[in-house]
Amino acid sequence: MPLVPRHLRPRQRVAAEARALPADFSRAAAEKSCGARRKNKFAAILAVLCALLWPASVSQGEGVRVRDIAIVYGAQDNQLTGVGLVAGLAGDGDKDQVYTKQAFANMLMRFGLNVPAATLSAKNVALVSVTADIKAFQKEGARMDVTVEALGDAKSLTGGVLLQTPLLGADGKVYAVAQGALSIGGFSAGDGGAGGATVTKNHPNTGQIINGALVQKEIPAQFVNNNLVELLLREPSFGSASRMAVAINEVFTNAAHAVDSSTVQVQMPPGTAGAPVDFIARLQNVELTPDIPARIIINERTGTIVATAAIHISSCAVASGNITINVSSALDVSQPNAFGGGSTVVTPRTTTQVTENKSLLVPLPELPTVEKVASALSALGATPRDMMAIFQAMKQAGALQAELLMR
């Protein structure tokens, strides 16, 4: 069989032509162009190879992936919870609570030890809640992390070991069991109380067990129904749902449509029903630009302000001034003359000082971007606390074109 030069081989020739196409060339145009140029026995092969070799990112554009803003319905996580005992707390456990003693007695009864609950001491044991998230399609024998929280008045869970605890789903069935030594990441030292001192780091009553739960039963999950795949947006938005459907249709022609602000249904193309995992993997890699709402979130407790890039402020005038009031108290001694016959008296003296910082009424032009808003408010010398009051006043005046959320 004679050797064919590399530049004349169909696969290499088609790949080179596909790479040479312009950046705005769509998949459909690539198939049409490749088929029109080759009117020979390789025409059908060329059209198919053009469609397969053409990178999906050409028609997707810049943006975020579908998998980053949406989940596949039926493939979501499930929550598990259970109640168990942590032992080995060296006197830092529950203070002989009735519920802890009863749980302790019930655990002993499982091993054939019938001991009255009233006769037990639970100072080395703590009643705890155990929680975990089990991912879809986790099989029997897989491991997952668990979080352990004290339910009673245990001082600390440091050094404790969780005894075998069944983890139940919302249907009341056991899907995993948890057991193991706790990792606290903090400590509590000292006697506390009157005349004592206590040093505490982090939260000693909460801990984790990495890979501490063993899956006993898989939670059934079905993510394809009648050749339909549903995508659920993490942040519901009519704009994002519509854009997602358009971006998917650029890759899979007429396959997607937005049902509502949080759901996009995708019809599996012919030939993909036998490989749903491959289809969903390609579907989740489709890129789009989500519709980000104009929103400002203010947390007065921490003094944190977060604003999206879509906020808009109409022309307005802003003045921000602070009033500081200082009140100080001192004790004066009033002492009579040597022969006055009076007594020494202690009298309080209070001084009040009010300081008001001068501030001018500053006109602000229309501010269409978050960068200009930040620069304008910083030029006023406004602190984060001042900015909170300014944003609230702008919203009341109708100049702030954004959603304002207070936390």
Protein backbone atom coordinates (compact mmCIF):
# COMPACT_ATOMS: atom_id res chain seq x y z
CA MET A 1 0.00 0.00 0.00
CA PRO A 2 1.61 3.33 -1.05
CA LEU A 3 2.26 5.88 1.65
CA VAL A 4 0.20 9.08 1.52
CA PRO A 5 2.01 12.32 2.38
CA ARG A 6 0.94 13.79 5.74
CA HIS A 7 -0.42 17.00 4.18
CA LEU A 8 -2.72 14.95 1.92
CA ARG A 9 -4.19 12.72 4.63
CA PRO A 10 -7.87 13.54 5.25
CA ARG A 11 -7.66 13.84 9.05
CA GLN A 12 -4.67 16.18 9.09
CA ARG A 13 -6.06 18.24 6.22
CA VAL A 14 -9.45 18.70 7.85
CA ALA A 15 -7.93 19.58 11.22
CA ALA A 16 -5.67 22.20 9.64
CA GLU A 17 -8.57 23.74 7.76
CA ALA A 18 -10.69 23.84 10.90
CA ARG A 19 -7.94 25.63 12.82
CA ALA A 20 -7.55 28.17 10.00
CA LEU A 21 -11.20 29.26 10.14
CA PRO A 22 -11.97 32.77 11.52
CA ALA A 23 -12.78 33.15 15.23
CA ASP A 24 -16.44 34.10 14.61
CA PHE A 25 -17.07 31.10 12.43
CA SER A 26 -19.86 28.93 13.87
CA ARG A 27 -20.04 25.13 13.97
CA ALA A 28 -22.82 25.08 11.37
CA ALA A 29 -20.83 27.35 9.04
CA ALA A 30 -17.78 25.13 9.49
CA GLU A 31 -19.75 22.07 8.42
CA LYS A 32 -21.19 23.91 5.40
CA SER A 33 -17.83 25.30 4.30
CA CYS A 34 -16.02 22.00 4.62
CA GLY A 35 -18.74 20.20 2.64
CA ALA A 36 -18.76 22.80 -0.15
CA ARG A 37 -14.99 22.69 -0.69
CA ARG A 38 -14.74 18.93 -1.01
CA LYS A 39 -17.04 17.46 -3.62
CA ASN A 40 -15.48 14.05 -3.75
CA LYS A 41 -15.75 10.76 -1.98
CA PHE A 42 -14.50 12.35 1.27
CA ALA A 43 -17.25 15.03 1.39
CA ALA A 44 -19.40 13.35 4.03
CA ILE A 45 -16.36 12.42 6.12
CA LEU A 46 -15.06 15.99 6.01
CA ALA A 47 -18.36 17.46 7.24
CA VAL A 48 -18.51 15.12 10.19
CA LEU A 49 -14.87 15.66 11.12
CA CYS A 50 -15.29 19.44 10.94
CA ALA A 51 -18.13 19.22 13.45
CA LEU A 52 -16.16 16.97 15.79
CA LEU A 53 -12.82 18.77 15.58
CA TRP A 54 -14.14 22.31 15.83
CA PRO A 55 -13.55 23.53 19.42
CA ALA A 56 -16.71 24.13 21.39
CA SER A 57 -15.32 27.36 22.85
CA VAL A 58 -15.58 29.14 19.48
CA SER A 59 -19.38 29.34 19.66
CA GLN A 60 -19.54 29.72 23.40
CA GLY A 61 -17.65 33.00 23.82
CA GLU A 62 -16.27 34.40 27.03
CA GLY A 63 -18.08 33.81 30.29
CA VAL A 64 -18.66 31.27 33.00
CA ARG A 65 -19.47 27.60 32.60
CA VAL A 66 -22.94 26.19 33.06
CA ARG A 67 -21.68 23.92 35.83
CA ASP A 68 -20.60 26.97 37.87
CA ILE A 69 -24.05 28.58 37.99
CA ALA A 70 -26.43 25.61 37.71
CA ILE A 71 -26.88 22.06 38.92
CA VAL A 72 -28.40 19.05 37.19
CA TYR A 73 -31.80 18.16 38.62
CA GLY A 74 -31.63 14.74 40.25
CA ALA A 75 -27.87 14.90 40.87
CA GLN A 76 -27.92 17.18 43.93
CA ASP A 77 -26.50 16.39 47.39
CA ASN A 78 -28.60 15.06 50.26
CA GLN A 79 -28.31 15.80 53.97
CA LEU A 80 -27.82 13.15 56.63
CA THR A 81 -28.05 13.54 60.39
CA GLY A 82 -27.76 11.42 63.51
CA VAL A 83 -27.39 11.59 67.28
CA GLY A 84 -24.52 9.80 68.99
CA LEU A 85 -22.05 9.81 71.85
CA VAL A 86 -18.50 11.11 72.10
CA ALA A 87 -16.40 9.36 74.74
CA GLY A 88 -13.00 10.00 76.31
CA LEU A 89 -13.48 13.63 77.33
CA ALA A 90 -11.54 13.48 80.62
CA GLY A 91 -14.23 15.13 82.72
CA ASP A 92 -15.19 17.76 80.12
CA GLY A 93 -18.36 15.95 79.03
CA ASP A 94 -21.99 16.53 79.98
CA LYS A 95 -22.65 17.15 83.66
CA ASP A 96 -24.64 13.98 84.32
CA GLN A 97 -27.62 15.10 82.28
CA VAL A 98 -30.61 12.75 82.16
CA TYR A 99 -30.59 12.51 78.35
CA THR A 100 -26.88 11.72 78.24
CA LYS A 101 -27.22 8.99 80.85
CA GLN A 102 -30.15 7.47 78.99
CA ALA A 103 -28.27 7.48 75.68
CA PHE A 104 -25.27 5.95 77.46
CA ALA A 105 -27.47 3.20 78.94
CA ASN A 106 -29.10 2.49 75.57
CA MET A 107 -25.69 2.11 73.97
CA LEU A 108 -24.60 -0.35 76.66
CA MET A 109 -27.81 -2.32 76.20
CA ARG A 110 -26.92 -2.92 72.55
CA PHE A 111 -23.89 -4.85 73.82
CA GLY A 112 -25.86 -6.89 76.34
CA LEU A 113 -25.15 -4.69 79.39
CA ASN A 114 -28.39 -3.78 81.17
CA VAL A 115 -27.34 -0.94 83.48
CA PRO A 116 -29.87 1.51 84.98
CA ALA A 117 -29.34 5.00 83.60
CA ALA A 118 -29.49 6.59 87.06
CA THR A 119 -26.38 4.69 88.19
CA LEU A 120 -24.16 5.95 85.35
CA SER A 121 -21.78 8.89 85.37
CA ALA A 122 -21.55 10.78 82.09
CA LYS A 123 -18.73 13.24 82.85
CA ASN A 124 -16.48 11.63 80.24
CA VAL A 125 -19.27 11.35 77.65
CA ALA A 126 -21.16 13.99 75.60
CA LEU A 127 -24.34 13.71 73.57
CA VAL A 128 -23.66 15.06 70.08
CA SER A 129 -25.32 15.70 66.76
CA VAL A 130 -23.62 14.30 63.67
CA THR A 131 -24.30 15.83 60.23
CA ALA A 132 -22.99 15.11 56.73
CA ASP A 133 -23.76 15.74 53.06
CA ILE A 134 -23.86 12.69 50.83
CA LYS A 135 -23.26 13.38 47.17
CA ALA A 136 -25.30 11.85 44.42
CA PHE A 137 -24.12 8.47 43.10
CA GLN A 138 -21.87 7.73 46.09
CA LYS A 139 -21.65 3.95 46.26
CA GLU A 140 -21.51 1.60 49.22
CA GLY A 141 -18.09 1.72 50.84
CA ALA A 142 -17.35 5.32 49.89
CA ARG A 143 -16.29 7.69 52.66
CA MET A 144 -17.32 11.26 53.44
CA ASP A 145 -16.61 13.92 56.06
CA VAL A 146 -18.86 14.50 59.06
CA THR A 147 -19.35 17.39 61.47
CA VAL A 148 -19.95 16.76 65.18
CA GLU A 149 -21.64 19.29 67.49
CA ALA A 150 -22.27 19.03 71.23
CA LEU A 151 -25.95 19.01 72.19
CA GLY A 152 -25.57 19.23 75.98
CA ASP A 153 -23.42 21.26 78.33
CA ALA A 154 -20.09 19.61 77.58
CA LYS A 155 -17.17 21.94 78.17
CA SER A 156 -15.06 20.64 75.28
CA LEU A 157 -14.92 17.76 72.81
CA THR A 158 -11.12 17.83 72.66
CA GLY A 159 -9.63 14.34 72.62
CA GLY A 160 -13.03 12.70 72.14
CA VAL A 161 -13.90 9.74 69.95
CA LEU A 162 -17.28 9.42 68.26
CA LEU A 163 -18.87 6.04 68.85
CA GLN A 164 -20.54 4.35 65.89
CA THR A 165 -23.52 6.52 64.92
CA PRO A 166 -26.07 5.77 62.17
CA LEU A 167 -26.81 8.68 59.82
CA LEU A 168 -30.37 8.97 58.55
CA GLY A 169 -31.85 10.70 55.52
CA ALA A 170 -35.07 12.69 55.35
CA ASP A 171 -36.97 9.43 54.77
CA GLY A 172 -35.74 7.99 58.08
CA LYS A 173 -33.53 5.32 56.45
CA VAL A 174 -29.88 4.74 57.37
CA TYR A 175 -27.51 5.62 54.54
CA ALA A 176 -24.18 5.83 56.38
CA VAL A 177 -22.48 5.21 59.73
CA ALA A 178 -19.94 7.53 61.34
CA GLN A 179 -17.15 6.79 63.79
CA GLY A 180 -13.68 8.05 64.66
CA ALA A 181 -11.50 10.53 66.53
CA LEU A 182 -12.50 14.18 66.40
CA SER A 183 -10.40 17.02 65.02
CA ILE A 184 -11.36 20.14 66.95
CA GLY A 185 -9.00 22.85 65.72
CA GLY A 186 -9.31 24.75 69.01
CA PHE A 187 -9.02 24.41 72.77
CA SER A 188 -10.40 25.64 76.06
CA ALA A 189 -8.12 25.93 79.11
CA GLY A 190 -8.67 27.25 82.63
CA ASP A 191 -11.18 26.81 85.43
CA GLY A 192 -13.29 29.89 84.72
CA GLY A 193 -15.82 31.22 87.15
CA ALA A 194 -15.16 33.66 89.98
CA GLY A 195 -11.46 34.16 90.64
CA GLY A 196 -10.45 32.03 87.64
CA ALA A 197 -9.61 32.61 83.99
CA THR A 198 -10.43 30.70 80.84
CA VAL A 199 -8.66 30.86 77.49
CA THR A 200 -10.66 29.59 74.51
CA LYS A 201 -9.63 29.34 70.86
CA ASN A 202 -12.17 28.70 68.12
CA HIS A 203 -15.10 26.46 69.12
CA PRO A 204 -14.07 23.45 71.21
CA ASN A 205 -17.63 22.07 71.15
CA THR A 206 -17.62 21.48 67.40
CA GLY A 207 -15.33 19.18 65.46
CA GLN A 208 -14.88 17.23 62.26
CA ILE A 209 -13.96 13.70 61.28
CA ILE A 210 -12.34 13.59 57.85
CA ASN A 211 -13.60 10.52 55.96
CA GLY A 212 -15.35 9.56 59.18
CA ALA A 213 -18.55 8.21 57.62
CA LEU A 214 -18.91 5.03 55.61
CA VAL A 215 -21.71 4.90 53.04
CA GLN A 216 -23.97 1.90 53.61
CA LYS A 217 -26.63 2.56 50.99
CA GLU A 218 -26.64 4.51 47.76
CA ILE A 219 -29.33 7.15 47.36
CA PRO A 220 -31.06 6.49 44.02
CA ALA A 221 -30.79 9.39 41.58
CA GLN A 222 -32.26 9.89 38.13
CA PHE A 223 -31.04 12.86 36.12
CA VAL A 224 -32.52 12.01 32.68
CA ASN A 225 -36.30 11.81 32.19
CA ASN A 226 -37.74 11.17 28.72
CA ASN A 227 -34.44 12.28 27.17
CA LEU A 228 -34.73 15.59 29.02
CA VAL A 229 -32.09 17.12 31.32
CA GLU A 230 -33.13 19.92 33.65
CA LEU A 231 -30.64 22.56 34.80
CA LEU A 232 -31.45 24.45 38.01
CA LEU A 233 -29.85 27.88 38.43
CA ARG A 234 -28.29 28.51 41.82
CA GLU A 235 -29.32 32.18 41.54
CA PRO A 236 -32.74 32.32 39.82
CA SER A 237 -32.91 34.97 37.10
CA PHE A 238 -35.02 35.23 33.96
CA GLY A 239 -32.11 36.89 32.16
CA SER A 240 -29.60 34.19 33.10
CA ALA A 241 -32.05 31.41 32.20
CA SER A 242 -32.69 32.94 28.78
CA ARG A 243 -28.96 33.47 28.12
CA MET A 244 -28.19 29.90 29.17
CA ALA A 245 -30.77 28.52 26.74
CA VAL A 246 -29.33 30.65 23.91
CA ALA A 247 -25.75 29.56 24.68
CA ILE A 248 -26.73 25.88 24.76
CA ASN A 249 -28.64 26.18 21.48
CA GLU A 250 -25.50 27.53 19.81
CA VAL A 251 -23.81 24.21 20.57
CA PHE A 252 -26.80 21.85 20.45
CA THR A 253 -29.25 23.24 17.91
CA ASN A 254 -32.78 23.87 19.25
CA ALA A 255 -32.13 21.66 22.27
CA ALA A 256 -32.77 24.03 25.20
CA HIS A 257 -35.53 26.32 26.36
CA ALA A 258 -36.02 28.27 29.58
CA VAL A 259 -39.03 27.09 31.58
CA ASP A 260 -38.85 29.76 34.29
CA SER A 261 -36.31 31.89 36.13
CA SER A 262 -34.58 28.87 37.68
CA THR A 263 -35.11 26.00 35.22
CA VAL A 264 -33.71 25.30 31.75
CA GLN A 265 -34.75 22.10 30.00
CA VAL A 266 -32.41 20.50 27.47
CA GLN A 267 -33.51 17.84 24.98
CA MET A 268 -30.78 15.27 24.38
CA PRO A 269 -29.80 15.25 20.68
CA PRO A 270 -30.19 12.04 18.68
CA GLY A 271 -27.40 9.60 19.32
CA THR A 272 -26.59 10.81 22.83
CA ALA A 273 -29.21 8.80 24.73
CA GLY A 274 -26.76 5.93 25.12
CA ALA A 275 -24.08 8.16 26.65
CA PRO A 276 -25.86 10.66 28.96
CA VAL A 277 -22.74 11.25 31.07
CA ASP A 278 -20.71 12.42 28.06
CA PHE A 279 -23.56 14.66 26.93
CA ILE A 280 -23.92 16.31 30.36
CA ALA A 281 -20.15 16.78 30.59
CA ARG A 282 -20.23 18.72 27.29
CA LEU A 283 -23.37 20.55 28.40
CA GLN A 284 -21.80 21.76 31.63
CA ASN A 285 -18.80 23.18 29.76
CA VAL A 286 -20.93 25.54 27.67
CA GLU A 287 -20.02 29.13 28.55
CA LEU A 288 -22.28 32.16 28.94
CA THR A 289 -22.35 35.57 30.58
CA PRO A 290 -24.92 35.46 33.41
CA ASP A 291 -27.29 38.32 34.12
CA ILE A 292 -25.88 39.76 37.34
CA PRO A 293 -28.38 41.94 39.25
CA ALA A 294 -27.55 45.43 40.46
CA ARG A 295 -27.25 44.81 44.19
CA ILE A 296 -25.58 46.32 47.24
CA ILE A 297 -25.29 44.24 50.42
CA ILE A 298 -24.59 46.05 53.69
CA ASN A 299 -23.65 44.25 56.90
CA GLU A 300 -23.87 46.76 59.73
CA ARG A 301 -22.47 44.33 62.30
CA THR A 302 -19.15 43.90 60.52
CA GLY A 303 -19.07 47.15 58.54
CA THR A 304 -18.87 45.29 55.22
CA ILE A 305 -20.20 46.62 51.92
CA VAL A 306 -20.34 44.53 48.74
CA ALA A 307 -21.62 45.97 45.45
CA THR A 308 -21.96 44.40 42.02
CA ALA A 309 -20.68 46.07 38.86
CA ALA A 310 -24.20 46.75 37.57
CA ILE A 311 -25.15 49.43 40.14
CA HIS A 312 -26.05 52.88 38.78
CA ILE A 313 -26.36 56.19 40.62
CA SER A 314 -28.18 59.14 39.09
CA SER A 315 -26.99 62.72 39.56
CA CYS A 316 -27.38 63.87 43.14
CA ALA A 317 -25.70 65.93 45.87
CA VAL A 318 -24.25 64.35 49.01
CA ALA A 319 -23.06 65.79 52.31
CA SER A 320 -21.78 63.62 55.12
CA GLY A 321 -20.76 64.94 58.52
CA ASN A 322 -20.02 63.34 61.86
CA ILE A 323 -20.91 64.60 65.31
CA THR A 324 -18.73 63.41 68.17
CA ILE A 325 -19.89 63.85 71.79
CA ASN A 326 -17.38 63.30 74.59
CA VAL A 327 -18.68 63.09 78.16
CA SER A 328 -16.11 62.89 80.95
CA SER A 329 -16.65 62.70 84.70
CA ALA A 330 -14.30 63.64 87.52
CA LEU A 331 -14.52 63.83 91.32
CA ASP A 332 -13.79 67.09 93.14
CA VAL A 333 -13.11 67.39 96.89
CA SER A 334 -14.76 70.24 98.78
CA GLN A 335 -13.00 70.86 102.08
CA PRO A 336 -14.15 73.54 104.61
CA ASN A 337 -11.90 76.09 106.32
CA ALA A 338 -9.92 75.13 109.38
CA PHE A 339 -12.43 76.67 111.80
CA GLY A 340 -15.52 76.39 109.63
CA GLY A 341 -16.92 73.38 111.42
CA GLY A 342 -17.96 71.63 108.20
CA SER A 343 -17.01 68.25 106.74
CA THR A 344 -15.15 67.21 103.60
CA VAL A 345 -17.49 66.40 100.69
CA VAL A 346 -16.71 64.66 97.39
CA THR A 347 -18.67 66.20 94.50
CA PRO A 348 -18.84 64.88 90.92
CA ARG A 349 -17.98 67.12 87.98
CA THR A 350 -19.17 66.33 84.43
CA THR A 351 -17.76 67.90 81.24
CA THR A 352 -19.47 67.54 77.86
CA GLN A 353 -17.75 68.42 74.59
CA VAL A 354 -19.45 68.30 71.19
CA THR A 355 -17.36 68.25 68.00
CA GLU A 356 -18.98 68.44 64.57
CA ASN A 357 -16.86 67.79 61.51
CA LYS A 358 -17.44 70.25 58.72
CA SER A 359 -18.74 68.83 55.48
CA LEU A 360 -19.81 70.47 52.24
CA LEU A 361 -22.70 69.55 49.98
CA VAL A 362 -20.85 67.88 47.10
CA PRO A 363 -22.65 67.39 43.77
CA LEU A 364 -22.07 63.98 42.21
CA PRO A 365 -22.51 63.44 38.47
CA GLU A 366 -24.15 60.36 37.06
CA LEU A 367 -22.11 57.35 38.13
CA PRO A 368 -22.69 54.39 35.78
CA THR A 369 -20.04 52.01 37.16
CA VAL A 370 -19.11 50.67 40.56
CA GLU A 371 -15.55 51.96 40.12
CA LYS A 372 -16.77 55.54 39.74
CA VAL A 373 -19.11 55.16 42.69
CA ALA A 374 -16.29 53.93 44.91
CA SER A 375 -13.97 56.73 43.78
CA ALA A 376 -16.59 59.43 44.37
CA LEU A 377 -17.46 58.24 47.88
CA SER A 378 -13.81 57.82 48.79
CA ALA A 379 -13.17 61.40 47.64
CA LEU A 380 -15.75 62.56 50.18
CA GLY A 381 -13.67 60.94 52.91
CA ALA A 382 -16.58 58.67 53.80
CA THR A 383 -15.88 55.71 56.05
CA PRO A 384 -17.70 52.38 55.52
CA ARG A 385 -20.19 53.41 58.21
CA ASP A 386 -20.80 56.70 56.38
CA MET A 387 -21.21 54.89 53.07
CA MET A 388 -23.94 52.73 54.60
CA ALA A 389 -25.93 55.82 55.56
CA ILE A 390 -25.22 57.44 52.17
CA PHE A 391 -26.45 54.40 50.23
CA GLN A 392 -29.62 54.23 52.32
CA ALA A 393 -30.29 57.95 51.76
CA MET A 394 -29.63 57.58 48.01
CA LYS A 395 -32.09 54.70 47.84
CA GLN A 396 -34.75 56.76 49.63
CA ALA A 397 -34.11 59.69 47.29
CA GLY A 398 -34.48 57.45 44.23
CA ALA A 399 -30.94 58.11 43.00
CA LEU A 400 -29.64 54.58 43.64
CA GLN A 401 -30.68 52.22 40.84
CA ALA A 402 -29.88 48.97 42.62
CA GLU A 403 -31.31 46.56 45.14
CA LEU A 404 -30.20 47.42 48.70
CA LEU A 405 -30.01 44.53 51.16
CA MET A 406 -29.34 45.04 54.85
CA ARG A 407 -27.85 42.21 56.89
